[in-house]
PDB file of N, CA and C in Angstrom:
ATOM      1  N   MET A   1      32.360 -55.845 -98.242  1.00  0.00           N
ATOM      2  CA  MET A   1      31.029 -56.258 -97.852  1.00  0.00           C
ATOM      3  C   MET A   1      30.662 -55.698 -96.479  1.00  0.00           C
ATOM      4  N   GLU A   2      31.653 -55.517 -95.620  1.00  0.00           N
ATOM      5  CA  GLU A   2      31.383 -55.002 -94.283  1.00  0.00           C
ATOM      6  C   GLU A   2      30.799 -53.593 -94.331  1.00  0.00           C
ATOM      7  N   THR A   3      31.293 -52.756 -95.227  1.00  0.00           N
ATOM      8  CA  THR A   3      30.787 -51.393 -95.356  1.00  0.00           C
ATOM      9  C   THR A   3      29.345 -51.404 -95.828  1.00  0.00           C
ATOM     10  N   LEU A   4      29.039 -52.259 -96.794  1.00  0.00           N
ATOM     11  CA  LEU A   4      27.660 -52.372 -97.286  1.00  0.00           C
ATOM     12  C   LEU A   4      26.724 -52.795 -96.166  1.00  0.00           C
ATOM     13  N   GLN A   5      27.138 -53.754 -95.352  1.00  0.00           N
ATOM     14  CA  GLN A   5      26.285 -54.200 -94.256  1.00  0.00           C
ATOM     15  C   GLN A   5      26.077 -53.108 -93.215  1.00  0.00           C
ATOM     16  N   LYS A   6      27.082 -52.293 -92.969  1.00  0.00           N
ATOM     17  CA  LYS A   6      26.922 -51.194 -92.021  1.00  0.00           C
ATOM     18  C   LYS A   6      25.951 -50.142 -92.551  1.00  0.00           C
ATOM     19  N   ILE A   7      26.049 -49.833 -93.833  1.00  0.00           N
ATOM     20  CA  ILE A   7      25.119 -48.890 -94.448  1.00  0.00           C
ATOM     21  C   ILE A   7      23.700 -49.447 -94.387  1.00  0.00           C
ATOM     22  N   CYS A   8      23.566 -50.723 -94.698  1.00  0.00           N
ATOM     23  CA  CYS A   8      22.249 -51.363 -94.656  1.00  0.00           C
ATOM     24  C   CYS A   8      21.709 -51.419 -93.239  1.00  0.00           C
ATOM     25  N   LEU A   9      22.586 -51.601 -92.270  1.00  0.00           N
ATOM     26  CA  LEU A   9      22.161 -51.631 -90.882  1.00  0.00           C
ATOM     27  C   LEU A   9      21.595 -50.275 -90.469  1.00  0.00           C
ATOM     28  N   VAL A  10      22.194 -49.196 -90.937  1.00  0.00           N
ATOM     29  CA  VAL A  10      21.681 -47.857 -90.645  1.00  0.00           C
ATOM     30  C   VAL A  10      20.287 -47.696 -91.235  1.00  0.00           C
ATOM     31  N   PHE A  11      20.085 -48.114 -92.485  1.00  0.00           N
ATOM     32  CA  PHE A  11      18.758 -48.051 -93.104  1.00  0.00           C
ATOM     33  C   PHE A  11      17.747 -48.888 -92.330  1.00  0.00           C
ATOM     34  N   THR A  12      18.160 -50.064 -91.886  1.00  0.00           N
ATOM     35  CA  THR A  12      17.264 -50.942 -91.144  1.00  0.00           C
ATOM     36  C   THR A  12      16.884 -50.316 -89.800  1.00  0.00           C
ATOM     37  N   ILE A  13      17.827 -49.697 -89.127  1.00  0.00           N
ATOM     38  CA  ILE A  13      17.544 -49.040 -87.853  1.00  0.00           C
ATOM     39  C   ILE A  13      16.590 -47.869 -88.053  1.00  0.00           C
ATOM     40  N   ILE A  14      16.820 -47.083 -89.088  1.00  0.00           N
ATOM     41  CA  ILE A  14      15.920 -45.965 -89.379  1.00  0.00           C
ATOM     42  C   ILE A  14      14.512 -46.487 -89.655  1.00  0.00           C
ATOM     43  N   GLY A  15      14.410 -47.567 -90.420  1.00  0.00           N
ATOM     44  CA  GLY A  15      13.105 -48.162 -90.702  1.00  0.00           C
ATOM     45  C   GLY A  15      12.439 -48.679 -89.442  1.00  0.00           C
ATOM     46  N   ALA A  16      13.209 -49.285 -88.555  1.00  0.00           N
ATOM     47  CA  ALA A  16      12.653 -49.797 -87.307  1.00  0.00           C
ATOM     48  C   ALA A  16      12.154 -48.661 -86.413  1.00  0.00           C
ATOM     49  N   ILE A  17      12.910 -47.588 -86.355  1.00  0.00           N
ATOM     50  CA  ILE A  17      12.476 -46.427 -85.571  1.00  0.00           C
ATOM     51  C   ILE A  17      11.191 -45.862 -86.148  1.00  0.00           C
ATOM     52  N   ASN A  18      11.105 -45.774 -87.474  1.00  0.00           N
ATOM     53  CA  ASN A  18       9.896 -45.272 -88.110  1.00  0.00           C
ATOM     54  C   ASN A  18       8.698 -46.154 -87.767  1.00  0.00           C
ATOM     55  N   TRP A  19       8.862 -47.485 -87.852  1.00  0.00           N
ATOM     56  CA  TRP A  19       7.761 -48.397 -87.522  1.00  0.00           C
ATOM     57  C   TRP A  19       7.390 -48.288 -86.049  1.00  0.00           C
ATOM     58  N   GLY A  20       8.361 -48.088 -85.183  1.00  0.00           N
ATOM     59  CA  GLY A  20       8.065 -47.889 -83.769  1.00  0.00           C
ATOM     60  C   GLY A  20       7.226 -46.646 -83.531  1.00  0.00           C
ATOM     61  N   LEU A  21       7.566 -45.565 -84.231  1.00  0.00           N
ATOM     62  CA  LEU A  21       6.785 -44.331 -84.116  1.00  0.00           C
ATOM     63  C   LEU A  21       5.378 -44.498 -84.673  1.00  0.00           C
ATOM     64  N   VAL A  22       5.253 -45.267 -85.753  1.00  0.00           N
ATOM     65  CA  VAL A  22       3.922 -45.540 -86.317  1.00  0.00           C
ATOM     66  C   VAL A  22       3.086 -46.318 -85.303  1.00  0.00           C
ATOM     67  N   GLY A  23       3.681 -47.331 -84.697  1.00  0.00           N
ATOM     68  CA  GLY A  23       2.941 -48.151 -83.747  1.00  0.00           C
ATOM     69  C   GLY A  23       2.590 -47.431 -82.463  1.00  0.00           C
ATOM     70  N   LEU A  24       3.509 -46.627 -81.946  1.00  0.00           N
ATOM     71  CA  LEU A  24       3.285 -45.960 -80.671  1.00  0.00           C
ATOM     72  C   LEU A  24       2.452 -44.686 -80.786  1.00  0.00           C
ATOM     73  N   PHE A  25       2.745 -43.886 -81.785  1.00  0.00           N
ATOM     74  CA  PHE A  25       2.157 -42.550 -81.846  1.00  0.00           C
ATOM     75  C   PHE A  25       1.413 -42.249 -83.145  1.00  0.00           C
ATOM     76  N   ASP A  26       1.326 -43.224 -84.045  1.00  0.00           N
ATOM     77  CA  ASP A  26       0.698 -43.041 -85.354  1.00  0.00           C
ATOM     78  C   ASP A  26       1.353 -41.882 -86.123  1.00  0.00           C
ATOM     79  N   ILE A  27       2.683 -41.808 -86.015  1.00  0.00           N
ATOM     80  CA  ILE A  27       3.460 -40.796 -86.729  1.00  0.00           C
ATOM     81  C   ILE A  27       4.386 -41.518 -87.701  1.00  0.00           C
ATOM     82  N   ASN A  28       4.231 -41.237 -88.977  1.00  0.00           N
ATOM     83  CA  ASN A  28       5.091 -41.844 -89.988  1.00  0.00           C
ATOM     84  C   ASN A  28       6.030 -40.760 -90.508  1.00  0.00           C
ATOM     85  N   ILE A  29       7.275 -40.800 -90.047  1.00  0.00           N
ATOM     86  CA  ILE A  29       8.252 -39.763 -90.394  1.00  0.00           C
ATOM     87  C   ILE A  29       8.512 -39.719 -91.896  1.00  0.00           C
ATOM     88  N   VAL A  30       8.594 -40.888 -92.533  1.00  0.00           N
ATOM     89  CA  VAL A  30       8.869 -40.929 -93.977  1.00  0.00           C
ATOM     90  C   VAL A  30       7.753 -40.218 -94.742  1.00  0.00           C
ATOM     91  N   ASN A  31       6.499 -40.531 -94.395  1.00  0.00           N
ATOM     92  CA  ASN A  31       5.373 -39.870 -95.061  1.00  0.00           C
ATOM     93  C   ASN A  31       5.349 -38.377 -94.763  1.00  0.00           C
ATOM     94  N   ASN A  32       5.676 -38.003 -93.529  1.00  0.00           N
ATOM     95  CA  ASN A  32       5.666 -36.582 -93.168  1.00  0.00           C
ATOM     96  C   ASN A  32       6.718 -35.789 -93.931  1.00  0.00           C
ATOM     97  N   ILE A  33       7.865 -36.399 -94.185  1.00  0.00           N
ATOM     98  CA  ILE A  33       8.951 -35.684 -94.863  1.00  0.00           C
ATOM     99  C   ILE A  33       8.768 -35.709 -96.382  1.00  0.00           C
ATOM    100  N   PHE A  34       8.442 -36.887 -96.940  1.00  0.00           N
ATOM    101  CA  PHE A  34       8.449 -37.049 -98.396  1.00  0.00           C
ATOM    102  C   PHE A  34       7.068 -37.142 -99.033  1.00  0.00           C
ATOM    103  N   GLY A  35       6.019 -37.153 -98.225  1.00  0.00           N
ATOM    104  CA  GLY A  35       4.662 -37.217 -98.760  1.00  0.00           C
ATOM    105  C   GLY A  35       4.136 -38.641 -98.768  1.00  0.00           C
ATOM    106  N   VAL A  36       2.823 -38.741 -98.850  1.00  0.00           N
ATOM    107  CA  VAL A  36       2.159 -40.042 -98.833  1.00  0.00           C
ATOM    108  C   VAL A  36       2.092 -40.596-100.251  1.00  0.00           C
ATOM    109  N   LYS A  37       2.546 -41.837-100.412  1.00  0.00           N
ATOM    110  CA  LYS A  37       2.471 -42.565-101.685  1.00  0.00           C
ATOM    111  C   LYS A  37       3.183 -41.848-102.835  1.00  0.00           C
ATOM    112  N   THR A  38       4.283 -41.175-102.545  1.00  0.00           N
ATOM    113  CA  THR A  38       5.073 -40.588-103.624  1.00  0.00           C
ATOM    114  C   THR A  38       6.104 -41.612-104.084  1.00  0.00           C
ATOM    115  N   MET A  39       6.692 -41.359-105.225  1.00  0.00           N
ATOM    116  CA  MET A  39       7.712 -42.266-105.750  1.00  0.00           C
ATOM    117  C   MET A  39       8.913 -42.328-104.809  1.00  0.00           C
ATOM    118  N   LEU A  40       9.287 -41.197-104.234  1.00  0.00           N
ATOM    119  CA  LEU A  40      10.426 -41.152-103.322  1.00  0.00           C
ATOM    120  C   LEU A  40      10.134 -41.937-102.039  1.00  0.00           C
ATOM    121  N   THR A  41       8.918 -41.815-101.516  1.00  0.00           N
ATOM    122  CA  THR A  41       8.527 -42.577-100.336  1.00  0.00           C
ATOM    123  C   THR A  41       8.601 -44.072-100.615  1.00  0.00           C
ATOM    124  N   ASN A  42       8.065 -44.498-101.743  1.00  0.00           N
ATOM    125  CA  ASN A  42       8.117 -45.907-102.117  1.00  0.00           C
ATOM    126  C   ASN A  42       9.553 -46.382-102.276  1.00  0.00           C
ATOM    127  N   LEU A  43      10.406 -45.547-102.847  1.00  0.00           N
ATOM    128  CA  LEU A  43      11.814 -45.900-103.013  1.00  0.00           C
ATOM    129  C   LEU A  43      12.494 -46.088-101.656  1.00  0.00           C
ATOM    130  N   ILE A  44      12.181 -45.226-100.707  1.00  0.00           N
ATOM    131  CA  ILE A  44      12.761 -45.352 -99.373  1.00  0.00           C
ATOM    132  C   ILE A  44      12.315 -46.656 -98.726  1.00  0.00           C
ATOM    133  N   TYR A  45      11.034 -46.981 -98.837  1.00  0.00           N
ATOM    134  CA  TYR A  45      10.546 -48.241 -98.266  1.00  0.00           C
ATOM    135  C   TYR A  45      11.210 -49.444 -98.938  1.00  0.00           C
ATOM    136  N   ILE A  46      11.413 -49.367-100.229  1.00  0.00           N
ATOM    137  CA  ILE A  46      12.088 -50.455-100.949  1.00  0.00           C
ATOM    138  C   ILE A  46      13.532 -50.588-100.475  1.00  0.00           C
ATOM    139  N   LEU A  47      14.235 -49.463-100.326  1.00  0.00           N
ATOM    140  CA  LEU A  47      15.629 -49.502 -99.858  1.00  0.00           C
ATOM    141  C   LEU A  47      15.734 -50.077 -98.450  1.00  0.00           C
ATOM    142  N   VAL A  48      14.800 -49.707 -97.577  1.00  0.00           N
ATOM    143  CA  VAL A  48      14.811 -50.244 -96.214  1.00  0.00           C
ATOM    144  C   VAL A  48      14.553 -51.749 -96.249  1.00  0.00           C
ATOM    145  N   GLY A  49      13.647 -52.194 -97.106  1.00  0.00           N
ATOM    146  CA  GLY A  49      13.378 -53.625 -97.239  1.00  0.00           C
ATOM    147  C   GLY A  49      14.580 -54.395 -97.753  1.00  0.00           C
ATOM    148  N   ILE A  50      15.237 -53.860 -98.760  1.00  0.00           N
ATOM    149  CA  ILE A  50      16.441 -54.510 -99.298  1.00  0.00           C
ATOM    150  C   ILE A  50      17.546 -54.533 -98.243  1.00  0.00           C
ATOM    151  N   ALA A  51      17.669 -53.432 -97.504  1.00  0.00           N
ATOM    152  CA  ALA A  51      18.679 -53.378 -96.440  1.00  0.00           C
ATOM    153  C   ALA A  51      18.410 -54.453 -95.394  1.00  0.00           C
ATOM    154  N   GLY A  52      17.148 -54.658 -95.053  1.00  0.00           N
ATOM    155  CA  GLY A  52      16.802 -55.705 -94.105  1.00  0.00           C
ATOM    156  C   GLY A  52      17.179 -57.075 -94.619  1.00  0.00           C
ATOM    157  N   LEU A  53      16.950 -57.313 -95.891  1.00  0.00           N
ATOM    158  CA  LEU A  53      17.314 -58.606 -96.480  1.00  0.00           C
ATOM    159  C   LEU A  53      18.824 -58.811 -96.475  1.00  0.00           C
ATOM    160  N   ILE A  54      19.563 -57.765 -96.788  1.00  0.00           N
ATOM    161  CA  ILE A  54      21.026 -57.866 -96.776  1.00  0.00           C
ATOM    162  C   ILE A  54      21.522 -58.142 -95.357  1.00  0.00           C
ATOM    163  N   ASN A  55      20.860 -57.552 -94.374  1.00  0.00           N
ATOM    164  CA  ASN A  55      21.286 -57.735 -92.984  1.00  0.00           C
ATOM    165  C   ASN A  55      20.980 -59.126 -92.451  1.00  0.00           C
ATOM    166  N   ILE A  56      20.214 -59.907 -93.160  1.00  0.00           N
ATOM    167  CA  ILE A  56      20.017 -61.301 -92.754  1.00  0.00           C
ATOM    168  C   ILE A  56      21.375 -62.001 -92.704  1.00  0.00           C
ATOM    169  N   GLY A  57      22.290 -61.585 -93.555  1.00  0.00           N
ATOM    170  CA  GLY A  57      23.637 -62.148 -93.550  1.00  0.00           C
ATOM    171  C   GLY A  57      24.351 -61.970 -92.225  1.00  0.00           C
ATOM    172  N   LEU A  58      24.002 -60.931 -91.466  1.00  0.00           N
ATOM    173  CA  LEU A  58      24.617 -60.725 -90.158  1.00  0.00           C
ATOM    174  C   LEU A  58      24.260 -61.847 -89.188  1.00  0.00           C
ATOM    175  N   LEU A  59      23.096 -62.440 -89.367  1.00  0.00           N
ATOM    176  CA  LEU A  59      22.689 -63.541 -88.496  1.00  0.00           C
ATOM    177  C   LEU A  59      23.586 -64.755 -88.658  1.00  0.00           C
ATOM    178  N   PHE A  60      24.064 -64.951 -89.877  1.00  0.00           N
ATOM    179  CA  PHE A  60      24.851 -66.142 -90.186  1.00  0.00           C
ATOM    180  C   PHE A  60      26.334 -65.851 -90.336  1.00  0.00           C
ATOM    181  N   ASN A  61      26.749 -64.653 -90.003  1.00  0.00           N
ATOM    182  CA  ASN A  61      28.135 -64.217 -90.156  1.00  0.00           C
ATOM    183  C   ASN A  61      29.094 -65.068 -89.335  1.00  0.00           C
ATOM    184  N   HIS A  62      28.701 -65.491 -88.163  1.00  0.00           N
ATOM    185  CA  HIS A  62      29.586 -66.271 -87.298  1.00  0.00           C
ATOM    186  C   HIS A  62      29.778 -67.702 -87.808  1.00  0.00           C
ATOM    187  N   ILE A  63      28.863 -68.216 -88.616  1.00  0.00           N
ATOM    188  CA  ILE A  63      28.948 -69.576 -89.128  1.00  0.00           C
ATOM    189  C   ILE A  63      30.079 -69.710 -90.134  1.00  0.00           C
ATOM    190  N   GLU A  64      30.309 -68.679 -90.932  1.00  0.00           N
ATOM    191  CA  GLU A  64      31.324 -68.709 -91.982  1.00  0.00           C
ATOM    192  C   GLU A  64      32.744 -68.752 -91.404  1.00  0.00           C
ATOM    193  N   LYS A  65      32.946 -68.252 -90.216  1.00  0.00           N
ATOM    194  CA  LYS A  65      34.303 -68.110 -89.671  1.00  0.00           C
ATOM    195  C   LYS A  65      34.710 -69.320 -88.877  1.00  0.00           C
TER     196      LYS A  65
END
């Protein structure tokens, strides 16, 4: 499970950086690389969202131990 959370954390960080660039400079790296409203773009957004949900477990990781 630790490996999955690390992979998800990388996706979440990439998503956060992308949102930061959108907010600061109106630059969406995902759209620039994969196109606007393509299936691949939507898949990337879905994966980042799922990764964020999985990383919620990191908040409660210390409670289990």
